[in-house]
């Protein structure tokens, strides 16, 4: 059987995400979220991870600090990334 996927849209805004043992925010295939104004810190892996040929969305104006990696984009992911501070 062939299942058609639908684009997943959501907004993740003005949150504090911290001390994760895994990824802070993960955007996968068919994901098209707005991730904006968040403080993502002290995570053990990536603050934001985008992977998959149809992974899109906007990652903007976030403060990402003290994570192993800031924003990781792989496997054809193509989000719009702007105005983030990564330390």
PDB file of N, CA and C in Angstrom:
ATOM      1  N   UNK A   1       0.838  -1.199   0.000  1.00  0.00           N
ATOM      2  CA  UNK A   1       0.000   0.000   0.000  1.00  0.00           C
ATOM      3  C   UNK A   1       0.869   1.245   0.000  1.00  0.00           C
ATOM      4  N   UNK A   2       0.331   2.253  -0.608  1.00  0.00           N
ATOM      5  CA  UNK A   2       1.018   3.542  -0.665  1.00  0.00           C
ATOM      6  C   UNK A   2       0.229   4.542   0.175  1.00  0.00           C
ATOM      7  N   UNK A   3       0.887   5.101   1.155  1.00  0.00           N
ATOM      8  CA  UNK A   3       0.250   6.121   1.990  1.00  0.00           C
ATOM      9  C   UNK A   3       0.850   7.466   1.643  1.00  0.00           C
ATOM     10  N   UNK A   4       0.019   8.422   1.372  1.00  0.00           N
ATOM     11  CA  UNK A   4       0.515   9.762   1.093  1.00  0.00           C
ATOM     12  C   UNK A   4       0.678  10.505   2.398  1.00  0.00           C
ATOM     13  N   UNK A   5       1.833  11.153   2.554  1.00  0.00           N
ATOM     14  CA  UNK A   5       2.038  11.907   3.777  1.00  0.00           C
ATOM     15  C   UNK A   5       1.497  13.307   3.648  1.00  0.00           C
ATOM     16  N   UNK A   6       1.202  13.853   4.769  1.00  0.00           N
ATOM     17  CA  UNK A   6       0.746  15.230   4.827  1.00  0.00           C
ATOM     18  C   UNK A   6       1.804  16.060   5.526  1.00  0.00           C
ATOM     19  N   UNK A   7       1.923  17.302   5.103  1.00  0.00           N
ATOM     20  CA  UNK A   7       2.864  18.201   5.729  1.00  0.00           C
ATOM     21  C   UNK A   7       2.410  18.493   7.158  1.00  0.00           C
ATOM     22  N   UNK A   8       3.348  18.432   8.083  1.00  0.00           N
ATOM     23  CA  UNK A   8       3.054  18.683   9.486  1.00  0.00           C
ATOM     24  C   UNK A   8       3.510  20.103   9.828  1.00  0.00           C
ATOM     25  N   UNK A   9       2.564  20.949  10.205  1.00  0.00           N
ATOM     26  CA  UNK A   9       2.874  22.335  10.558  1.00  0.00           C
ATOM     27  C   UNK A   9       2.519  22.573  12.018  1.00  0.00           C
ATOM     28  N   UNK A  10       3.422  23.234  12.721  1.00  0.00           N
ATOM     29  CA  UNK A  10       3.147  23.627  14.095  1.00  0.00           C
ATOM     30  C   UNK A  10       4.049  24.798  14.443  1.00  0.00           C
ATOM     31  N   UNK A  11       3.764  25.439  15.545  1.00  0.00           N
ATOM     32  CA  UNK A  11       4.578  26.546  16.028  1.00  0.00           C
ATOM     33  C   UNK A  11       5.130  26.189  17.397  1.00  0.00           C
ATOM     34  N   UNK A  12       6.432  26.338  17.546  1.00  0.00           N
ATOM     35  CA  UNK A  12       7.109  26.154  18.825  1.00  0.00           C
ATOM     36  C   UNK A  12       7.788  27.485  19.121  1.00  0.00           C
ATOM     37  N   UNK A  13       7.190  28.277  20.004  1.00  0.00           N
ATOM     38  CA  UNK A  13       7.630  29.662  20.180  1.00  0.00           C
ATOM     39  C   UNK A  13       7.751  30.017  21.657  1.00  0.00           C
ATOM     40  N   UNK A  14       8.854  30.731  21.978  1.00  0.00           N
ATOM     41  CA  UNK A  14       9.073  31.302  23.311  1.00  0.00           C
ATOM     42  C   UNK A  14       9.099  30.259  24.422  1.00  0.00           C
ATOM     43  N   UNK A  15       9.820  29.169  24.185  1.00  0.00           N
ATOM     44  CA  UNK A  15       9.963  28.103  25.184  1.00  0.00           C
ATOM     45  C   UNK A  15      11.404  28.025  25.669  1.00  0.00           C
ATOM     46  N   UNK A  16      11.572  27.428  26.836  1.00  0.00           N
ATOM     47  CA  UNK A  16      12.904  27.085  27.321  1.00  0.00           C
ATOM     48  C   UNK A  16      13.010  25.567  27.265  1.00  0.00           C
ATOM     49  N   UNK A  17      13.980  25.095  26.501  1.00  0.00           N
ATOM     50  CA  UNK A  17      14.208  23.659  26.327  1.00  0.00           C
ATOM     51  C   UNK A  17      15.644  23.419  26.776  1.00  0.00           C
ATOM     52  N   UNK A  18      15.838  22.562  27.780  1.00  0.00           N
ATOM     53  CA  UNK A  18      17.187  22.466  28.345  1.00  0.00           C
ATOM     54  C   UNK A  18      17.490  21.084  28.916  1.00  0.00           C
ATOM     55  N   UNK A  19      18.796  20.822  29.060  1.00  0.00           N
ATOM     56  CA  UNK A  19      19.323  19.613  29.693  1.00  0.00           C
ATOM     57  C   UNK A  19      18.796  18.325  29.058  1.00  0.00           C
ATOM     58  N   UNK A  20      18.598  18.343  27.743  1.00  0.00           N
ATOM     59  CA  UNK A  20      18.135  17.147  27.049  1.00  0.00           C
ATOM     60  C   UNK A  20      19.270  16.146  26.902  1.00  0.00           C
ATOM     61  N   UNK A  21      18.964  14.878  27.043  1.00  0.00           N
ATOM     62  CA  UNK A  21      19.955  13.846  26.749  1.00  0.00           C
ATOM     63  C   UNK A  21      19.929  13.510  25.264  1.00  0.00           C
ATOM     64  N   UNK A  22      18.875  13.930  24.582  1.00  0.00           N
ATOM     65  CA  UNK A  22      18.755  13.743  23.137  1.00  0.00           C
ATOM     66  C   UNK A  22      18.643  15.104  22.459  1.00  0.00           C
ATOM     67  N   UNK A  23      18.063  15.120  21.297  1.00  0.00           N
ATOM     68  CA  UNK A  23      17.916  16.339  20.498  1.00  0.00           C
ATOM     69  C   UNK A  23      16.892  17.264  21.155  1.00  0.00           C
ATOM     70  N   UNK A  24      17.156  18.577  21.090  1.00  0.00           N
ATOM     71  CA  UNK A  24      16.213  19.551  21.640  1.00  0.00           C
ATOM     72  C   UNK A  24      14.938  19.618  20.823  1.00  0.00           C
ATOM     73  N   UNK A  25      15.068  19.916  19.516  1.00  0.00           N
ATOM     74  CA  UNK A  25      13.927  19.975  18.593  1.00  0.00           C
ATOM     75  C   UNK A  25      14.311  19.199  17.343  1.00  0.00           C
ATOM     76  N   UNK A  26      13.485  18.246  16.948  1.00  0.00           N
ATOM     77  CA  UNK A  26      13.751  17.437  15.769  1.00  0.00           C
ATOM     78  C   UNK A  26      12.670  17.680  14.722  1.00  0.00           C
ATOM     79  N   UNK A  27      13.101  17.985  13.503  1.00  0.00           N
ATOM     80  CA  UNK A  27      12.187  18.191  12.383  1.00  0.00           C
ATOM     81  C   UNK A  27      12.495  17.115  11.345  1.00  0.00           C
ATOM     82  N   UNK A  28      11.515  16.274  11.061  1.00  0.00           N
ATOM     83  CA  UNK A  28      11.721  15.178  10.127  1.00  0.00           C
ATOM     84  C   UNK A  28      10.923  15.366   8.849  1.00  0.00           C
ATOM     85  N   UNK A  29      10.888  14.302   8.045  1.00  0.00           N
ATOM     86  CA  UNK A  29      10.159  14.336   6.780  1.00  0.00           C
ATOM     87  C   UNK A  29       8.755  14.890   6.958  1.00  0.00           C
ATOM     88  N   UNK A  30       8.370  15.728   6.034  1.00  0.00           N
ATOM     89  CA  UNK A  30       7.059  16.378   6.000  1.00  0.00           C
ATOM     90  C   UNK A  30       6.848  17.393   7.120  1.00  0.00           C
ATOM     91  N   UNK A  31       7.890  17.664   7.917  1.00  0.00           N
ATOM     92  CA  UNK A  31       7.787  18.671   8.963  1.00  0.00           C
ATOM     93  C   UNK A  31       8.031  20.057   8.393  1.00  0.00           C
ATOM     94  N   UNK A  32       7.182  20.997   8.758  1.00  0.00           N
ATOM     95  CA  UNK A  32       7.324  22.376   8.303  1.00  0.00           C
ATOM     96  C   UNK A  32       6.917  23.331   9.428  1.00  0.00           C
ATOM     97  N   UNK A  33       7.613  23.254  10.573  1.00  0.00           N
ATOM     98  CA  UNK A  33       7.222  24.066  11.710  1.00  0.00           C
ATOM     99  C   UNK A  33       7.838  25.465  11.685  1.00  0.00           C
ATOM    100  N   UNK A  34       7.317  26.313  12.537  1.00  0.00           N
ATOM    101  CA  UNK A  34       7.948  27.581  12.883  1.00  0.00           C
ATOM    102  C   UNK A  34       8.541  27.372  14.269  1.00  0.00           C
ATOM    103  N   UNK A  35       9.863  27.427  14.369  1.00  0.00           N
ATOM    104  CA  UNK A  35      10.580  27.298  15.634  1.00  0.00           C
ATOM    105  C   UNK A  35      11.223  28.654  15.878  1.00  0.00           C
ATOM    106  N   UNK A  36      10.659  29.434  16.797  1.00  0.00           N
ATOM    107  CA  UNK A  36      11.068  30.832  16.926  1.00  0.00           C
ATOM    108  C   UNK A  36      11.093  31.297  18.379  1.00  0.00           C
ATOM    109  N   UNK A  37      12.139  32.067  18.697  1.00  0.00           N
ATOM    110  CA  UNK A  37      12.219  32.728  19.983  1.00  0.00           C
ATOM    111  C   UNK A  37      12.440  31.804  21.167  1.00  0.00           C
ATOM    112  N   UNK A  38      12.959  30.623  20.925  1.00  0.00           N
ATOM    113  CA  UNK A  38      13.189  29.658  21.998  1.00  0.00           C
ATOM    114  C   UNK A  38      14.595  29.794  22.559  1.00  0.00           C
ATOM    115  N   UNK A  39      14.763  29.396  23.811  1.00  0.00           N
ATOM    116  CA  UNK A  39      16.078  29.309  24.434  1.00  0.00           C
ATOM    117  C   UNK A  39      16.335  27.826  24.634  1.00  0.00           C
ATOM    118  N   UNK A  40      17.229  27.271  23.823  1.00  0.00           N
ATOM    119  CA  UNK A  40      17.534  25.841  23.865  1.00  0.00           C
ATOM    120  C   UNK A  40      18.972  25.727  24.346  1.00  0.00           C
ATOM    121  N   UNK A  41      19.162  25.131  25.528  1.00  0.00           N
ATOM    122  CA  UNK A  41      20.506  25.153  26.110  1.00  0.00           C
ATOM    123  C   UNK A  41      20.850  23.883  26.888  1.00  0.00           C
ATOM    124  N   UNK A  42      22.150  23.712  27.077  1.00  0.00           N
ATOM    125  CA  UNK A  42      22.784  22.631  27.839  1.00  0.00           C
ATOM    126  C   UNK A  42      22.309  21.239  27.436  1.00  0.00           C
ATOM    127  N   UNK A  43      22.094  21.037  26.146  1.00  0.00           N
ATOM    128  CA  UNK A  43      21.714  19.718  25.635  1.00  0.00           C
ATOM    129  C   UNK A  43      22.936  18.894  25.278  1.00  0.00           C
ATOM    130  N   UNK A  44      22.791  17.581  25.308  1.00  0.00           N
ATOM    131  CA  UNK A  44      23.913  16.685  25.035  1.00  0.00           C
ATOM    132  C   UNK A  44      24.126  16.412  23.552  1.00  0.00           C
ATOM    133  N   UNK A  45      23.191  16.826  22.713  1.00  0.00           N
ATOM    134  CA  UNK A  45      23.362  16.663  21.264  1.00  0.00           C
ATOM    135  C   UNK A  45      22.973  17.975  20.589  1.00  0.00           C
ATOM    136  N   UNK A  46      22.325  17.905  19.441  1.00  0.00           N
ATOM    137  CA  UNK A  46      21.967  19.114  18.685  1.00  0.00           C
ATOM    138  C   UNK A  46      20.797  19.850  19.341  1.00  0.00           C
ATOM    139  N   UNK A  47      20.862  21.170  19.301  1.00  0.00           N
ATOM    140  CA  UNK A  47      19.726  21.975  19.753  1.00  0.00           C
ATOM    141  C   UNK A  47      18.559  21.783  18.793  1.00  0.00           C
ATOM    142  N   UNK A  48      18.849  21.869  17.477  1.00  0.00           N
ATOM    143  CA  UNK A  48      17.829  21.675  16.442  1.00  0.00           C
ATOM    144  C   UNK A  48      18.413  20.724  15.393  1.00  0.00           C
ATOM    145  N   UNK A  49      17.667  19.694  15.055  1.00  0.00           N
ATOM    146  CA  UNK A  49      18.099  18.690  14.089  1.00  0.00           C
ATOM    147  C   UNK A  49      17.042  18.592  12.998  1.00  0.00           C
ATOM    148  N   UNK A  50      17.454  18.787  11.754  1.00  0.00           N
ATOM    149  CA  UNK A  50      16.537  18.745  10.609  1.00  0.00           C
ATOM    150  C   UNK A  50      17.055  17.685   9.638  1.00  0.00           C
ATOM    151  N   UNK A  51      16.243  16.676   9.352  1.00  0.00           N
ATOM    152  CA  UNK A  51      16.685  15.612   8.452  1.00  0.00           C
ATOM    153  C   UNK A  51      15.508  15.057   7.664  1.00  0.00           C
ATOM    154  N   UNK A  52      15.760  14.799   6.399  1.00  0.00           N
ATOM    155  CA  UNK A  52      14.757  14.214   5.525  1.00  0.00           C
ATOM    156  C   UNK A  52      14.526  15.091   4.314  1.00  0.00           C
ATOM    157  N   UNK A  53      14.319  14.458   3.186  1.00  0.00           N
ATOM    158  CA  UNK A  53      14.207  15.179   1.912  1.00  0.00           C
ATOM    159  C   UNK A  53      13.084  16.204   1.889  1.00  0.00           C
ATOM    160  N   UNK A  54      12.042  15.996   2.694  1.00  0.00           N
ATOM    161  CA  UNK A  54      10.948  16.969   2.685  1.00  0.00           C
ATOM    162  C   UNK A  54      10.840  17.725   4.011  1.00  0.00           C
ATOM    163  N   UNK A  55      11.913  17.733   4.785  1.00  0.00           N
ATOM    164  CA  UNK A  55      11.938  18.495   6.049  1.00  0.00           C
ATOM    165  C   UNK A  55      12.182  19.965   5.728  1.00  0.00           C
ATOM    166  N   UNK A  56      11.302  20.819   6.149  1.00  0.00           N
ATOM    167  CA  UNK A  56      11.374  22.251   5.850  1.00  0.00           C
ATOM    168  C   UNK A  56      11.166  23.048   7.125  1.00  0.00           C
ATOM    169  N   UNK A  57      10.472  24.143   7.029  1.00  0.00           N
ATOM    170  CA  UNK A  57      10.140  24.959   8.188  1.00  0.00           C
ATOM    171  C   UNK A  57      11.033  26.176   8.315  1.00  0.00           C
ATOM    172  N   UNK A  58      10.857  26.882   9.424  1.00  0.00           N
ATOM    173  CA  UNK A  58      11.619  28.094   9.718  1.00  0.00           C
ATOM    174  C   UNK A  58      12.185  27.952  11.123  1.00  0.00           C
ATOM    175  N   UNK A  59      13.484  28.175  11.249  1.00  0.00           N
ATOM    176  CA  UNK A  59      14.171  28.186  12.542  1.00  0.00           C
ATOM    177  C   UNK A  59      14.753  29.579  12.683  1.00  0.00           C
ATOM    178  N   UNK A  60      14.111  30.428  13.514  1.00  0.00           N
ATOM    179  CA  UNK A  60      14.473  31.840  13.537  1.00  0.00           C
ATOM    180  C   UNK A  60      14.515  32.415  14.949  1.00  0.00           C
ATOM    181  N   UNK A  61      15.499  33.277  15.154  1.00  0.00           N
ATOM    182  CA  UNK A  61      15.588  34.104  16.363  1.00  0.00           C
ATOM    183  C   UNK A  61      15.590  33.299  17.653  1.00  0.00           C
ATOM    184  N   UNK A  62      16.276  32.168  17.634  1.00  0.00           N
ATOM    185  CA  UNK A  62      16.427  31.344  18.829  1.00  0.00           C
ATOM    186  C   UNK A  62      17.793  31.594  19.453  1.00  0.00           C
ATOM    187  N   UNK A  63      17.899  31.385  20.750  1.00  0.00           N
ATOM    188  CA  UNK A  63      19.173  31.420  21.456  1.00  0.00           C
ATOM    189  C   UNK A  63      19.537  29.981  21.765  1.00  0.00           C
ATOM    190  N   UNK A  64      20.607  29.503  21.142  1.00  0.00           N
ATOM    191  CA  UNK A  64      21.058  28.122  21.288  1.00  0.00           C
ATOM    192  C   UNK A  64      22.434  28.164  21.932  1.00  0.00           C
ATOM    193  N   UNK A  65      22.549  27.710  23.169  1.00  0.00           N
ATOM    194  CA  UNK A  65      23.843  27.801  23.830  1.00  0.00           C
ATOM    195  C   UNK A  65      24.138  26.591  24.703  1.00  0.00           C
ATOM    196  N   UNK A  66      25.403  26.203  24.676  1.00  0.00           N
ATOM    197  CA  UNK A  66      25.862  25.116  25.514  1.00  0.00           C
ATOM    198  C   UNK A  66      25.429  23.737  25.068  1.00  0.00           C
ATOM    199  N   UNK A  67      24.973  23.590  23.835  1.00  0.00           N
ATOM    200  CA  UNK A  67      24.622  22.278  23.281  1.00  0.00           C
ATOM    201  C   UNK A  67      25.839  21.701  22.576  1.00  0.00           C
ATOM    202  N   UNK A  68      25.864  20.394  22.371  1.00  0.00           N
ATOM    203  CA  UNK A  68      26.982  19.795  21.634  1.00  0.00           C
ATOM    204  C   UNK A  68      27.051  20.374  20.223  1.00  0.00           C
ATOM    205  N   UNK A  69      25.899  20.503  19.559  1.00  0.00           N
ATOM    206  CA  UNK A  69      25.805  21.104  18.225  1.00  0.00           C
ATOM    207  C   UNK A  69      24.667  22.115  18.239  1.00  0.00           C
ATOM    208  N   UNK A  70      24.768  23.131  17.382  1.00  0.00           N
ATOM    209  CA  UNK A  70      23.718  24.142  17.275  1.00  0.00           C
ATOM    210  C   UNK A  70      22.574  23.646  16.418  1.00  0.00           C
ATOM    211  N   UNK A  71      22.679  23.851  15.094  1.00  0.00           N
ATOM    212  CA  UNK A  71      21.657  23.413  14.146  1.00  0.00           C
ATOM    213  C   UNK A  71      22.311  22.428  13.182  1.00  0.00           C
ATOM    214  N   UNK A  72      21.769  21.228  13.119  1.00  0.00           N
ATOM    215  CA  UNK A  72      22.288  20.191  12.223  1.00  0.00           C
ATOM    216  C   UNK A  72      21.254  19.962  11.129  1.00  0.00           C
ATOM    217  N   UNK A  73      21.699  20.050   9.876  1.00  0.00           N
ATOM    218  CA  UNK A  73      20.818  19.816   8.729  1.00  0.00           C
ATOM    219  C   UNK A  73      21.424  18.687   7.906  1.00  0.00           C
ATOM    220  N   UNK A  74      20.641  17.618   7.679  1.00  0.00           N
ATOM    221  CA  UNK A  74      21.137  16.449   6.960  1.00  0.00           C
ATOM    222  C   UNK A  74      20.099  15.903   6.003  1.00  0.00           C
ATOM    223  N   UNK A  75      20.549  15.006   5.163  1.00  0.00           N
ATOM    224  CA  UNK A  75      19.682  14.183   4.306  1.00  0.00           C
ATOM    225  C   UNK A  75      18.663  14.989   3.509  1.00  0.00           C
ATOM    226  N   UNK A  76      19.083  16.130   2.977  1.00  0.00           N
ATOM    227  CA  UNK A  76      18.221  16.910   2.110  1.00  0.00           C
ATOM    228  C   UNK A  76      17.293  17.888   2.807  1.00  0.00           C
ATOM    229  N   UNK A  77      17.362  17.989   4.127  1.00  0.00           N
ATOM    230  CA  UNK A  77      16.542  18.958   4.849  1.00  0.00           C
ATOM    231  C   UNK A  77      16.846  20.370   4.361  1.00  0.00           C
ATOM    232  N   UNK A  78      15.843  21.224   4.298  1.00  0.00           N
ATOM    233  CA  UNK A  78      16.052  22.578   3.760  1.00  0.00           C
ATOM    234  C   UNK A  78      15.184  23.607   4.494  1.00  0.00           C
ATOM    235  N   UNK A  79      15.445  23.800   5.798  1.00  0.00           N
ATOM    236  CA  UNK A  79      14.687  24.825   6.499  1.00  0.00           C
ATOM    237  C   UNK A  79      15.233  26.217   6.185  1.00  0.00           C
ATOM    238  N   UNK A  80      14.436  27.234   6.449  1.00  0.00           N
ATOM    239  CA  UNK A  80      14.942  28.607   6.399  1.00  0.00           C
ATOM    240  C   UNK A  80      15.485  28.897   7.807  1.00  0.00           C
ATOM    241  N   UNK A  81      16.751  29.273   7.880  1.00  0.00           N
ATOM    242  CA  UNK A  81      17.423  29.513   9.151  1.00  0.00           C
ATOM    243  C   UNK A  81      17.867  30.969   9.153  1.00  0.00           C
ATOM    244  N   UNK A  82      17.408  31.732  10.173  1.00  0.00           N
ATOM    245  CA  UNK A  82      17.774  33.152  10.212  1.00  0.00           C
ATOM    246  C   UNK A  82      17.738  33.717  11.619  1.00  0.00           C
ATOM    247  N   UNK A  83      18.678  34.596  11.912  1.00  0.00           N
ATOM    248  CA  UNK A  83      18.685  35.373  13.134  1.00  0.00           C
ATOM    249  C   UNK A  83      18.897  34.602  14.420  1.00  0.00           C
ATOM    250  N   UNK A  84      19.451  33.383  14.369  1.00  0.00           N
ATOM    251  CA  UNK A  84      19.708  32.607  15.571  1.00  0.00           C
ATOM    252  C   UNK A  84      21.060  32.982  16.170  1.00  0.00           C
ATOM    253  N   UNK A  85      21.167  32.887  17.481  1.00  0.00           N
ATOM    254  CA  UNK A  85      22.441  33.063  18.168  1.00  0.00           C
ATOM    255  C   UNK A  85      22.864  31.707  18.676  1.00  0.00           C
ATOM    256  N   UNK A  86      24.064  31.290  18.253  1.00  0.00           N
ATOM    257  CA  UNK A  86      24.584  29.975  18.652  1.00  0.00           C
ATOM    258  C   UNK A  86      25.901  30.195  19.373  1.00  0.00           C
ATOM    259  N   UNK A  87      25.950  29.737  20.620  1.00  0.00           N
ATOM    260  CA  UNK A  87      27.187  29.874  21.424  1.00  0.00           C
ATOM    261  C   UNK A  87      27.547  28.531  22.013  1.00  0.00           C
TER     262      UNK A  87
END
